[in-house]
Protein backbone atom coordinates (compact mmCIF):
# COMPACT_ATOMS: atom_id res chain seq x y z
CA MET A 1 41.11 134.62 95.61
CA LYS A 2 43.87 137.16 94.97
CA SER A 3 43.35 140.86 95.20
CA ALA A 4 43.45 143.07 92.10
CA HIS A 5 46.61 144.78 93.41
CA SER A 6 48.71 141.60 93.25
CA GLN A 7 47.60 140.79 89.68
CA LYS A 8 48.93 143.91 87.95
CA GLY A 9 51.70 142.34 85.86
CA MET A 10 55.27 143.42 85.34
CA SER A 11 56.53 146.73 86.67
CA ILE A 12 58.39 149.37 84.65
CA LEU A 13 61.69 148.17 86.09
CA SER A 14 60.94 144.60 85.00
CA TRP A 15 60.08 145.77 81.49
CA LEU A 16 63.32 147.77 81.32
CA MET A 17 65.31 144.70 82.37
CA VAL A 18 63.61 142.58 79.71
CA LEU A 19 64.23 145.31 77.12
CA ALA A 20 67.92 145.52 78.11
CA VAL A 21 68.38 141.76 77.74
CA VAL A 22 66.62 141.73 74.36
CA ALA A 23 68.72 144.70 73.16
CA PHE A 24 71.94 142.99 74.27
CA LEU A 25 71.06 139.75 72.48
CA ALA A 26 69.99 141.63 69.34
CA SER A 27 73.24 143.60 69.33
CA ALA A 28 75.32 140.44 69.65
CA THR A 29 73.30 138.71 66.93
CA PHE A 30 73.63 141.58 64.47
CA LYS A 31 77.39 141.70 65.01
CA VAL A 32 77.91 137.97 64.46
CA LEU A 33 75.46 137.24 61.62
CA PRO A 34 77.53 138.87 58.83
CA HIS A 35 80.43 136.56 59.63
CA TYR A 36 78.18 133.51 59.31
CA PHE A 37 76.84 134.80 55.98
CA ASP A 38 80.41 135.32 54.74
CA ASN A 39 81.30 131.78 55.79
CA MET A 40 78.27 130.36 53.98
CA ALA A 41 79.30 132.27 50.85
CA LEU A 42 82.84 130.89 51.09
CA GLU A 43 81.54 127.35 51.49
CA LYS A 44 79.31 127.82 48.45
CA MET A 45 82.27 129.12 46.41
CA ILE A 46 84.35 126.10 47.38
CA THR A 47 81.68 123.54 46.54
CA SER A 48 80.76 125.32 43.28
CA VAL A 49 84.10 124.22 41.81
CA GLU A 50 82.72 120.69 41.64
CA THR A 51 79.12 121.43 40.70
CA ASP A 52 79.32 124.47 38.39
CA LYS A 53 80.24 123.44 34.84
CA ALA A 54 81.22 127.00 33.85
CA VAL A 55 84.02 127.09 36.41
CA ASP A 56 87.23 125.72 34.94
CA VAL A 57 89.55 125.06 37.88
CA ARG A 58 92.47 122.76 37.10
CA SER A 59 95.18 123.83 39.55
CA VAL A 60 95.62 125.23 43.05
CA SER A 61 96.31 128.71 41.67
CA ASP A 62 93.08 128.52 39.64
CA PHE A 63 91.25 127.55 42.82
CA TYR A 64 92.68 130.52 44.73
CA SER A 65 91.79 132.81 41.82
CA HIS A 66 88.21 131.49 41.78
CA ILE A 67 87.83 132.08 45.52
CA SER A 68 89.41 135.54 45.26
CA LYS A 69 86.93 136.59 42.56
CA GLY A 70 84.04 135.21 44.62
CA MET A 71 85.23 137.16 47.66
CA GLN A 72 85.26 140.37 45.61
CA VAL A 73 81.74 139.73 44.33
CA ASN A 74 80.47 139.00 47.85
CA SER A 75 82.36 141.95 49.41
CA ILE A 76 84.39 139.79 51.77
CA ARG A 77 87.29 142.18 52.35
CA ASP A 78 88.31 141.58 55.94
CA LEU A 79 89.64 138.05 55.47
CA ASP A 80 93.14 137.07 54.37
CA MET A 81 92.50 134.23 51.97
CA GLN A 82 96.09 132.93 52.10
CA ASP A 83 95.84 132.39 55.88
CA ALA A 84 92.27 131.10 55.97
CA LEU A 85 92.36 128.69 53.04
CA LYS A 86 94.78 125.79 52.55
CA ILE A 87 94.47 123.78 49.34
CA LYS A 88 96.18 120.52 48.38
CA VAL A 89 95.72 118.22 45.41
CA GLU A 90 95.45 114.51 46.19
CA ASN A 91 94.12 111.69 44.01
CA ASN A 92 92.53 113.96 41.40
CA GLU A 93 90.66 116.02 43.98
CA PHE A 94 91.21 119.22 45.91
CA ARG A 95 91.49 118.96 49.68
CA VAL A 96 90.44 122.35 51.00
CA HIS A 97 90.77 123.35 54.64
CA LEU A 98 88.90 126.53 55.55
CA LYS A 99 89.97 127.67 59.01
CA TYR A 100 89.74 131.16 60.47
CA GLU A 101 88.29 133.14 63.34
CA LYS A 102 86.73 136.57 63.56
CA ARG A 103 86.52 138.89 66.54
CA GLU A 104 83.86 141.51 66.96
CA PRO A 105 84.06 144.03 69.82
CA LEU A 106 81.00 143.92 72.06
CA ILE A 107 81.59 146.08 75.15
CA GLU A 108 84.89 147.70 76.13
CA ASN A 109 87.37 144.82 76.25
CA ILE A 110 84.81 142.04 75.71
CA ASP A 111 84.81 140.49 72.25
CA LEU A 112 82.55 138.05 70.48
CA VAL A 113 84.60 135.34 68.76
CA VAL A 114 83.37 133.10 65.96
CA ARG A 115 85.61 130.29 64.76
CA PHE A 116 85.15 128.39 61.53
CA ASP A 117 87.00 125.16 60.73
CA LYS A 118 85.83 122.89 57.93
CA GLU A 119 87.43 120.56 55.42
CA PHE A 120 86.18 119.91 51.91
CA ARG A 121 86.98 117.26 49.32
CA VAL A 122 86.24 118.69 45.90
CA ARG A 123 86.67 116.57 42.79
CA MET A 124 88.40 118.15 39.82
CA PRO A 125 86.04 118.88 36.95
């Protein structure tokens, strides 16, 4: 049988360490999540060309215009669309390559980096 003294639980220092780790992970998560939400919005804009009947995209310039308008609506201002998005037309479909990376400062000279690289095949409406 153990004594009551050895069954106290975690000390203040242990709780502070746990709190520091949780705060660090929460900080990193809250800095990276907006970039993932922006990427999901971009993917939805790209795939909506095929599924949304109201969108009339017939050329590469129309496609860029559609994405540009969607970026304005979703407040995606820190991404250069011309560098991140490459569009080609092949066999009556758009081949879209979305590739970019975002850096978010974490501590001093340590950055969090998220990299997105995905290809889409979108049929012309």
